[in-house]
C-alpha atoms as a PDB file:
ATOM      1  CA  UNK A   1      27.585  -4.770   7.140  1.00  0.00           C
ATOM      2  CA  UNK A   2      26.135  -6.224   3.976  1.00  0.00           C
ATOM      3  CA  UNK A   3      29.080  -6.385   1.367  1.00  0.00           C
ATOM      4  CA  UNK A   4      28.776  -5.409  -2.243  1.00  0.00           C
ATOM      5  CA  UNK A   5      29.434  -8.838  -3.211  1.00  0.00           C
ATOM      6  CA  UNK A   6      26.305  -9.880  -1.206  1.00  0.00           C
ATOM      7  CA  UNK A   7      24.265  -7.036  -2.703  1.00  0.00           C
ATOM      8  CA  UNK A   8      25.163  -8.229  -6.073  1.00  0.00           C
ATOM      9  CA  UNK A   9      24.018 -11.743  -5.272  1.00  0.00           C
ATOM     10  CA  UNK A  10      20.265 -10.391  -4.779  1.00  0.00           C
ATOM     11  CA  UNK A  11      17.940 -10.654  -7.452  1.00  0.00           C
ATOM     12  CA  UNK A  12      14.120  -9.582  -7.393  1.00  0.00           C
ATOM     13  CA  UNK A  13      12.246 -11.859  -5.381  1.00  0.00           C
ATOM     14  CA  UNK A  14      14.906 -13.201  -3.540  1.00  0.00           C
ATOM     15  CA  UNK A  15      13.576 -14.191   0.123  1.00  0.00           C
ATOM     16  CA  UNK A  16      14.869 -12.327   3.056  1.00  0.00           C
ATOM     17  CA  UNK A  17      13.942 -13.434   6.445  1.00  0.00           C
ATOM     18  CA  UNK A  18      13.889 -11.298   9.198  1.00  0.00           C
ATOM     19  CA  UNK A  19      12.906 -11.361  13.208  1.00  0.00           C
ATOM     20  CA  UNK A  20       9.508 -10.175  14.165  1.00  0.00           C
ATOM     21  CA  UNK A  21       9.541  -6.972  16.491  1.00  0.00           C
ATOM     22  CA  UNK A  22       7.761  -7.201  19.684  1.00  0.00           C
ATOM     23  CA  UNK A  23       4.021  -7.423  18.630  1.00  0.00           C
ATOM     24  CA  UNK A  24       1.260  -5.841  20.238  1.00  0.00           C
ATOM     25  CA  UNK A  25      -1.957  -7.405  19.208  1.00  0.00           C
ATOM     26  CA  UNK A  26      -4.306  -4.328  18.955  1.00  0.00           C
ATOM     27  CA  UNK A  27      -4.378  -1.503  16.539  1.00  0.00           C
ATOM     28  CA  UNK A  28      -7.427   0.972  16.703  1.00  0.00           C
ATOM     29  CA  UNK A  29      -7.540   4.237  14.178  1.00  0.00           C
ATOM     30  CA  UNK A  30      -8.661   7.470  15.551  1.00  0.00           C
ATOM     31  CA  UNK A  31     -12.587   7.814  15.134  1.00  0.00           C
ATOM     32  CA  UNK A  32     -14.758  10.718  14.828  1.00  0.00           C
ATOM     33  CA  UNK A  33     -18.309  11.131  14.351  1.00  0.00           C
ATOM     34  CA  UNK A  34     -18.283  10.064  10.695  1.00  0.00           C
ATOM     35  CA  UNK A  35     -16.135   7.029  11.266  1.00  0.00           C
ATOM     36  CA  UNK A  36     -12.680   8.090  10.558  1.00  0.00           C
ATOM     37  CA  UNK A  37     -11.212   5.343   8.411  1.00  0.00           C
ATOM     38  CA  UNK A  38     -13.570   2.945  10.120  1.00  0.00           C
ATOM     39  CA  UNK A  39     -11.395  -0.049  10.429  1.00  0.00           C
ATOM     40  CA  UNK A  40     -11.844  -3.431  11.633  1.00  0.00           C
ATOM     41  CA  UNK A  41      -8.411  -5.615  11.665  1.00  0.00           C
ATOM     42  CA  UNK A  42      -7.418  -8.995  12.289  1.00  0.00           C
ATOM     43  CA  UNK A  43      -3.803 -10.121  12.794  1.00  0.00           C
ATOM     44  CA  UNK A  44      -2.325 -13.412  12.073  1.00  0.00           C
ATOM     45  CA  UNK A  45       0.635 -15.100  13.841  1.00  0.00           C
ATOM     46  CA  UNK A  46       3.469 -15.643  11.792  1.00  0.00           C
ATOM     47  CA  UNK A  47       5.955 -17.199  14.106  1.00  0.00           C
ATOM     48  CA  UNK A  48       9.394 -15.743  14.691  1.00  0.00           C
ATOM     49  CA  UNK A  49      10.135 -14.429  11.363  1.00  0.00           C
ATOM     50  CA  UNK A  50       8.775 -12.100   8.653  1.00  0.00           C
ATOM     51  CA  UNK A  51       9.585 -13.254   4.973  1.00  0.00           C
ATOM     52  CA  UNK A  52      10.370 -10.562   2.439  1.00  0.00           C
ATOM     53  CA  UNK A  53      10.907 -10.282  -1.442  1.00  0.00           C
ATOM     54  CA  UNK A  54      14.000  -8.188  -2.415  1.00  0.00           C
ATOM     55  CA  UNK A  55      12.866  -5.817  -4.928  1.00  0.00           C
ATOM     56  CA  UNK A  56      15.736  -3.499  -5.775  1.00  0.00           C
ATOM     57  CA  UNK A  57      18.190  -0.862  -4.345  1.00  0.00           C
ATOM     58  CA  UNK A  58      16.889   2.531  -3.152  1.00  0.00           C
ATOM     59  CA  UNK A  59      18.862   5.818  -2.932  1.00  0.00           C
ATOM     60  CA  UNK A  60      17.938   8.267  -0.267  1.00  0.00           C
ATOM     61  CA  UNK A  61      20.194  11.264  -0.321  1.00  0.00           C
ATOM     62  CA  UNK A  62      23.614   9.891   0.428  1.00  0.00           C
ATOM     63  CA  UNK A  63      22.291   6.599   1.608  1.00  0.00           C
ATOM     64  CA  UNK A  64      21.722   3.339  -0.013  1.00  0.00           C
ATOM     65  CA  UNK A  65      18.933   0.994   1.118  1.00  0.00           C
ATOM     66  CA  UNK A  66      17.820  -2.467   0.208  1.00  0.00           C
ATOM     67  CA  UNK A  67      13.985  -2.417  -0.731  1.00  0.00           C
ATOM     68  CA  UNK A  68      11.895  -5.041   0.474  1.00  0.00           C
ATOM     69  CA  UNK A  69       8.389  -6.201   0.100  1.00  0.00           C
ATOM     70  CA  UNK A  70       6.444  -8.220   2.597  1.00  0.00           C
ATOM     71  CA  UNK A  71       5.797 -11.851   0.937  1.00  0.00           C
ATOM     72  CA  UNK A  72       2.400 -12.466   2.544  1.00  0.00           C
ATOM     73  CA  UNK A  73      -0.050  -9.773   3.670  1.00  0.00           C
ATOM     74  CA  UNK A  74      -0.141  -9.811   7.510  1.00  0.00           C
ATOM     75  CA  UNK A  75      -3.504  -7.857   8.224  1.00  0.00           C
ATOM     76  CA  UNK A  76      -7.059  -8.262   7.151  1.00  0.00           C
ATOM     77  CA  UNK A  77      -8.573  -4.792   7.046  1.00  0.00           C
ATOM     78  CA  UNK A  78     -11.779  -3.301   6.299  1.00  0.00           C
ATOM     79  CA  UNK A  79     -12.388   0.228   5.161  1.00  0.00           C
ATOM     80  CA  UNK A  80     -15.401   2.201   4.286  1.00  0.00           C
ATOM     81  CA  UNK A  81     -16.914   5.407   3.256  1.00  0.00           C
ATOM     82  CA  UNK A  82     -15.537   9.038   2.761  1.00  0.00           C
ATOM     83  CA  UNK A  83     -13.265   8.719   6.102  1.00  0.00           C
ATOM     84  CA  UNK A  84     -11.391   5.807   4.446  1.00  0.00           C
ATOM     85  CA  UNK A  85     -10.554   7.804   1.366  1.00  0.00           C
ATOM     86  CA  UNK A  86      -9.324  10.803   3.449  1.00  0.00           C
ATOM     87  CA  UNK A  87      -7.514   8.727   6.234  1.00  0.00           C
ATOM     88  CA  UNK A  88      -6.802   5.510   4.339  1.00  0.00           C
ATOM     89  CA  UNK A  89      -3.311   6.176   3.164  1.00  0.00           C
ATOM     90  CA  UNK A  90      -2.224   7.608   6.492  1.00  0.00           C
ATOM     91  CA  UNK A  91      -3.804   4.629   8.440  1.00  0.00           C
ATOM     92  CA  UNK A  92      -2.255   1.948   5.984  1.00  0.00           C
ATOM     93  CA  UNK A  93       1.363   3.661   6.759  1.00  0.00           C
ATOM     94  CA  UNK A  94       0.601   3.863  10.482  1.00  0.00           C
ATOM     95  CA  UNK A  95      -0.174   0.172  10.516  1.00  0.00           C
ATOM     96  CA  UNK A  96       3.198  -0.477   8.480  1.00  0.00           C
ATOM     97  CA  UNK A  97       5.038   1.651  10.913  1.00  0.00           C
ATOM     98  CA  UNK A  98       3.329   0.090  14.026  1.00  0.00           C
ATOM     99  CA  UNK A  99       3.995  -3.414  13.232  1.00  0.00           C
ATOM    100  CA  UNK A 100       7.376  -3.319  11.599  1.00  0.00           C
ATOM    101  CA  UNK A 101       8.625   0.118  12.601  1.00  0.00           C
ATOM    102  CA  UNK A 102      11.427  -0.092  15.098  1.00  0.00           C
ATOM    103  CA  UNK A 103      14.090  -2.347  13.360  1.00  0.00           C
ATOM    104  CA  UNK A 104      13.962  -0.848   9.794  1.00  0.00           C
ATOM    105  CA  UNK A 105      14.269   2.894   8.420  1.00  0.00           C
ATOM    106  CA  UNK A 106      11.117   3.439   6.470  1.00  0.00           C
ATOM    107  CA  UNK A 107       8.372   1.101   6.663  1.00  0.00           C
ATOM    108  CA  UNK A 108       5.189   1.702   4.925  1.00  0.00           C
ATOM    109  CA  UNK A 109       2.223   0.273   2.922  1.00  0.00           C
ATOM    110  CA  UNK A 110       2.729  -0.633  -0.626  1.00  0.00           C
ATOM    111  CA  UNK A 111       1.831   2.284  -3.261  1.00  0.00           C
ATOM    112  CA  UNK A 112       0.754   2.147  -6.947  1.00  0.00           C
ATOM    113  CA  UNK A 113       3.952   3.941  -7.563  1.00  0.00           C
ATOM    114  CA  UNK A 114       5.892   0.941  -5.822  1.00  0.00           C
ATOM    115  CA  UNK A 115       3.894  -1.507  -8.079  1.00  0.00           C
ATOM    116  CA  UNK A 116       4.381   0.345 -11.338  1.00  0.00           C
ATOM    117  CA  UNK A 117       8.096   0.638 -10.837  1.00  0.00           C
ATOM    118  CA  UNK A 118       8.457  -3.084  -9.844  1.00  0.00           C
ATOM    119  CA  UNK A 119       6.363  -3.923 -13.140  1.00  0.00           C
ATOM    120  CA  UNK A 120       8.074  -1.318 -15.310  1.00  0.00           C
ATOM    121  CA  UNK A 121       4.986   0.340 -16.321  1.00  0.00           C
ATOM    122  CA  UNK A 122       4.351   4.235 -16.669  1.00  0.00           C
ATOM    123  CA  UNK A 123       1.035   5.587 -16.723  1.00  0.00           C
ATOM    124  CA  UNK A 124       0.104   9.140 -17.986  1.00  0.00           C
ATOM    125  CA  UNK A 125      -1.705  11.086 -15.958  1.00  0.00           C
ATOM    126  CA  UNK A 126      -5.505  11.952 -17.166  1.00  0.00           C
ATOM    127  CA  UNK A 127      -6.632  15.565 -18.022  1.00  0.00           C
ATOM    128  CA  UNK A 128     -10.352  14.762 -16.784  1.00  0.00           C
ATOM    129  CA  UNK A 129     -11.687  16.981 -14.010  1.00  0.00           C
ATOM    130  CA  UNK A 130     -14.782  16.994 -12.024  1.00  0.00           C
ATOM    131  CA  UNK A 131     -15.921  20.566 -10.677  1.00  0.00           C
ATOM    132  CA  UNK A 132     -17.820  20.188  -7.447  1.00  0.00           C
ATOM    133  CA  UNK A 133     -21.499  21.792  -7.456  1.00  0.00           C
ATOM    134  CA  UNK A 134     -24.014  22.626  -4.855  1.00  0.00           C
ATOM    135  CA  UNK A 135     -24.561  19.747  -2.466  1.00  0.00           C
ATOM    136  CA  UNK A 136     -21.266  17.751  -3.322  1.00  0.00           C
ATOM    137  CA  UNK A 137     -19.096  16.463  -0.877  1.00  0.00           C
ATOM    138  CA  UNK A 138     -15.471  15.613  -1.142  1.00  0.00           C
ATOM    139  CA  UNK A 139     -14.202  12.902   1.417  1.00  0.00           C
ATOM    140  CA  UNK A 140     -12.517  15.532   3.535  1.00  0.00           C
ATOM    141  CA  UNK A 141     -15.560  17.877   3.381  1.00  0.00           C
ATOM    142  CA  UNK A 142     -17.809  14.847   4.309  1.00  0.00           C
ATOM    143  CA  UNK A 143     -15.643  13.799   7.653  1.00  0.00           C
ATOM    144  CA  UNK A 144     -15.791  17.647   8.318  1.00  0.00           C
ATOM    145  CA  UNK A 145     -19.556  17.787   8.412  1.00  0.00           C
ATOM    146  CA  UNK A 146     -19.720  20.223   5.545  1.00  0.00           C
ATOM    147  CA  UNK A 147     -20.553  20.417   1.884  1.00  0.00           C
ATOM    148  CA  UNK A 148     -17.372  20.894  -0.593  1.00  0.00           C
ATOM    149  CA  UNK A 149     -16.466  24.311  -1.895  1.00  0.00           C
ATOM    150  CA  UNK A 150     -18.449  24.857  -5.306  1.00  0.00           C
ATOM    151  CA  UNK A 151     -16.359  25.326  -8.099  1.00  0.00           C
ATOM    152  CA  UNK A 152     -13.243  23.144  -6.867  1.00  0.00           C
ATOM    153  CA  UNK A 153     -11.910  20.858  -9.274  1.00  0.00           C
ATOM    154  CA  UNK A 154     -10.807  17.268  -8.796  1.00  0.00           C
ATOM    155  CA  UNK A 155      -8.207  15.574 -11.338  1.00  0.00           C
ATOM    156  CA  UNK A 156      -9.108  12.067 -12.417  1.00  0.00           C
ATOM    157  CA  UNK A 157      -6.349   9.722 -11.155  1.00  0.00           C
ATOM    158  CA  UNK A 158      -8.083   6.024 -11.551  1.00  0.00           C
ATOM    159  CA  UNK A 159      -6.692   3.488 -13.923  1.00  0.00           C
ATOM    160  CA  UNK A 160      -6.305  -0.136 -14.038  1.00  0.00           C
ATOM    161  CA  UNK A 161      -4.337  -3.007 -16.057  1.00  0.00           C
ATOM    162  CA  UNK A 162      -4.552  -6.405 -16.190  1.00  0.00           C
ATOM    163  CA  UNK A 163      -1.850  -9.068 -15.325  1.00  0.00           C
ATOM    164  CA  UNK A 164      -2.621 -10.877 -18.615  1.00  0.00           C
ATOM    165  CA  UNK A 165      -1.205  -8.098 -20.556  1.00  0.00           C
ATOM    166  CA  UNK A 166       2.007  -8.079 -18.549  1.00  0.00           C
ATOM    167  CA  UNK A 167       5.097 -10.257 -19.242  1.00  0.00           C
ATOM    168  CA  UNK A 168       5.601 -13.052 -16.672  1.00  0.00           C
ATOM    169  CA  UNK A 169       8.349 -12.311 -14.526  1.00  0.00           C
ATOM    170  CA  UNK A 170       9.568 -12.291 -10.708  1.00  0.00           C
ATOM    171  CA  UNK A 171       8.008  -8.988 -10.352  1.00  0.00           C
ATOM    172  CA  UNK A 172       4.719  -9.938 -11.630  1.00  0.00           C
ATOM    173  CA  UNK A 173       4.830 -12.947  -9.164  1.00  0.00           C
ATOM    174  CA  UNK A 174       5.278 -10.595  -6.241  1.00  0.00           C
ATOM    175  CA  UNK A 175       2.674  -8.196  -7.010  1.00  0.00           C
ATOM    176  CA  UNK A 176      -0.127 -10.766  -7.875  1.00  0.00           C
ATOM    177  CA  UNK A 177       0.851 -13.229  -5.078  1.00  0.00           C
ATOM    178  CA  UNK A 178      -2.141 -14.711  -3.406  1.00  0.00           C
ATOM    179  CA  UNK A 179      -4.420 -12.340  -1.811  1.00  0.00           C
ATOM    180  CA  UNK A 180      -5.693  -8.989  -2.693  1.00  0.00           C
ATOM    181  CA  UNK A 181      -4.358  -6.018  -0.681  1.00  0.00           C
ATOM    182  CA  UNK A 182      -4.815  -2.348  -0.331  1.00  0.00           C
ATOM    183  CA  UNK A 183      -2.423   0.226  -1.844  1.00  0.00           C
ATOM    184  CA  UNK A 184      -1.741   3.171   0.212  1.00  0.00           C
ATOM    185  CA  UNK A 185      -2.576   5.387  -2.796  1.00  0.00           C
ATOM    186  CA  UNK A 186      -5.775   7.543  -3.015  1.00  0.00           C
ATOM    187  CA  UNK A 187      -7.718   7.525  -6.360  1.00  0.00           C
ATOM    188  CA  UNK A 188     -10.550   9.634  -8.048  1.00  0.00           C
ATOM    189  CA  UNK A 189     -12.614   8.494 -10.807  1.00  0.00           C
ATOM    190  CA  UNK A 190     -14.217  11.269 -12.772  1.00  0.00           C
ATOM    191  CA  UNK A 191     -17.598  10.734 -14.385  1.00  0.00           C
ATOM    192  CA  UNK A 192     -19.656  13.344 -16.290  1.00  0.00           C
ATOM    193  CA  UNK A 193     -21.934  14.012 -13.558  1.00  0.00           C
ATOM    194  CA  UNK A 194     -20.018  12.744 -10.284  1.00  0.00           C
ATOM    195  CA  UNK A 195     -16.753  11.837  -8.981  1.00  0.00           C
ATOM    196  CA  UNK A 196     -16.034   8.517  -7.068  1.00  0.00           C
ATOM    197  CA  UNK A 197     -12.992   8.438  -4.431  1.00  0.00           C
ATOM    198  CA  UNK A 198     -11.325   5.182  -2.864  1.00  0.00           C
ATOM    199  CA  UNK A 199      -8.005   3.620  -2.348  1.00  0.00           C
ATOM    200  CA  UNK A 200      -5.859   1.738  -4.721  1.00  0.00           C
ATOM    201  CA  UNK A 201      -5.597  -2.060  -4.510  1.00  0.00           C
ATOM    202  CA  UNK A 202      -4.251  -5.437  -6.261  1.00  0.00           C
ATOM    203  CA  UNK A 203      -7.343  -7.562  -6.797  1.00  0.00           C
ATOM    204  CA  UNK A 204      -7.875 -11.284  -6.542  1.00  0.00           C
ATOM    205  CA  UNK A 205      -8.261 -11.492 -10.221  1.00  0.00           C
ATOM    206  CA  UNK A 206      -4.892 -10.071 -10.928  1.00  0.00           C
ATOM    207  CA  UNK A 207      -5.652  -6.362 -11.752  1.00  0.00           C
ATOM    208  CA  UNK A 208      -3.746  -3.300 -10.192  1.00  0.00           C
ATOM    209  CA  UNK A 209      -6.621  -1.186  -9.893  1.00  0.00           C
ATOM    210  CA  UNK A 210      -7.125   2.578  -9.116  1.00  0.00           C
ATOM    211  CA  UNK A 211     -10.820   2.858  -9.088  1.00  0.00           C
ATOM    212  CA  UNK A 212     -12.134   1.258  -6.115  1.00  0.00           C
ATOM    213  CA  UNK A 213     -15.087   3.302  -5.147  1.00  0.00           C
ATOM    214  CA  UNK A 214     -15.731   3.866  -1.469  1.00  0.00           C
ATOM    215  CA  UNK A 215     -17.261   6.983  -1.704  1.00  0.00           C
ATOM    216  CA  UNK A 216     -19.365   9.262  -4.307  1.00  0.00           C
ATOM    217  CA  UNK A 217     -19.300  12.980  -4.509  1.00  0.00           C
ATOM    218  CA  UNK A 218     -23.012  12.811  -3.743  1.00  0.00           C
ATOM    219  CA  UNK A 219     -21.989  11.792  -0.320  1.00  0.00           C
ATOM    220  CA  UNK A 220     -23.056   8.242  -0.583  1.00  0.00           C
ATOM    221  CA  UNK A 221     -20.954   5.441   1.021  1.00  0.00           C
ATOM    222  CA  UNK A 222     -20.542   2.704  -1.835  1.00  0.00           C
ATOM    223  CA  UNK A 223     -20.142  -0.920  -1.345  1.00  0.00           C
ATOM    224  CA  UNK A 224     -20.678  -1.283   2.272  1.00  0.00           C
ATOM    225  CA  UNK A 225     -17.253  -2.613   3.888  1.00  0.00           C
ATOM    226  CA  UNK A 226     -14.404  -3.400   1.629  1.00  0.00           C
ATOM    227  CA  UNK A 227     -11.908  -5.966   2.890  1.00  0.00           C
ATOM    228  CA  UNK A 228      -8.414  -6.276   1.718  1.00  0.00           C
ATOM    229  CA  UNK A 229      -5.032  -7.122   3.153  1.00  0.00           C
ATOM    230  CA  UNK A 230      -1.856  -4.662   3.844  1.00  0.00           C
ATOM    231  CA  UNK A 231       1.417  -5.282   2.246  1.00  0.00           C
ATOM    232  CA  UNK A 232       4.111  -3.309   3.827  1.00  0.00           C
ATOM    233  CA  UNK A 233       7.591  -1.925   2.106  1.00  0.00           C
ATOM    234  CA  UNK A 234      10.957  -1.408   4.120  1.00  0.00           C
ATOM    235  CA  UNK A 235      13.944   0.173   3.539  1.00  0.00           C
ATOM    236  CA  UNK A 236      16.891  -1.845   5.232  1.00  0.00           C
ATOM    237  CA  UNK A 237      20.301  -0.001   5.483  1.00  0.00           C
ATOM    238  CA  UNK A 238      22.800  -2.293   4.351  1.00  0.00           C
ATOM    239  CA  UNK A 239      25.665  -0.864   6.840  1.00  0.00           C
ATOM    240  CA  UNK A 240      23.333  -1.797   9.949  1.00  0.00           C
ATOM    241  CA  UNK A 241      22.808  -5.321   8.949  1.00  0.00           C
ATOM    242  CA  UNK A 242      24.085  -8.525   7.718  1.00  0.00           C
ATOM    243  CA  UNK A 243      22.799 -11.188   5.327  1.00  0.00           C
ATOM    244  CA  UNK A 244      23.355 -14.955   6.154  1.00  0.00           C
ATOM    245  CA  UNK A 245      22.553 -17.330   3.386  1.00  0.00           C
ATOM    246  CA  UNK A 246      20.553 -20.218   4.327  1.00  0.00           C
ATOM    247  CA  UNK A 247      20.311 -23.994   2.829  1.00  0.00           C
ATOM    248  CA  UNK A 248      17.075 -23.027   1.535  1.00  0.00           C
ATOM    249  CA  UNK A 249      18.517 -20.318  -0.627  1.00  0.00           C
ATOM    250  CA  UNK A 250      16.927 -17.700   1.316  1.00  0.00           C
ATOM    251  CA  UNK A 251      18.671 -14.879   3.356  1.00  0.00           C
ATOM    252  CA  UNK A 252      18.536 -14.031   6.948  1.00  0.00           C
ATOM    253  CA  UNK A 253      18.747 -10.430   7.977  1.00  0.00           C
ATOM    254  CA  UNK A 254      20.488  -9.847  11.125  1.00  0.00           C
ATOM    255  CA  UNK A 255      21.687  -6.556  12.940  1.00  0.00           C
ATOM    256  CA  UNK A 256      25.300  -5.934  12.507  1.00  0.00           C
END
């Protein structure tokens, strides 16, 4: 059991090491005629441990959890097209569960909400809407081989901000560390005559972006294949684990 005193010693950015669950070296998403998520994956071998950044305490119902973000993205992943927009969030979370699931309570891929909360950024939703017309497709309708229903409206969700505009902190170091990575968040960019759909991402130039276009309302697949990494988030229930402090200053997470 992790004591309250130990919890109080943890700060954002503290490194927590955990054992690697038994690994299976292949993962394939479901596929349909239109490609359904259309993934190409490659795994890296990171030895016997995974390093996590501690980023806070999460309360879920009556339970308290340590919230940890995977330090180094572990999957190189390509997405493309309307199917990636429709199934991408689900697939990213499937991968997180597949890779980290058994030991931890809530493994999932990182979202824009996770990033905003870490950085202390509040983004107001946009009021812009796009109305589907004749010959338009949503990602869902494209995958299901039919046009979108005319008159259906979709709300603008895309936005971005630059790291240069944010104060330097342990949280920004975590978010913008090393490689670009996907966020398990769907995004819509509304223009006057069309809408663009994609997944959120953190880019190499230090920008959290919710405007990455994979698919256009005309049915066009944009930009070919787009490659980034997956950064997982886990919730650890303190009463089921212990923390041992290492000489390096990091902690080792072990089952109670």
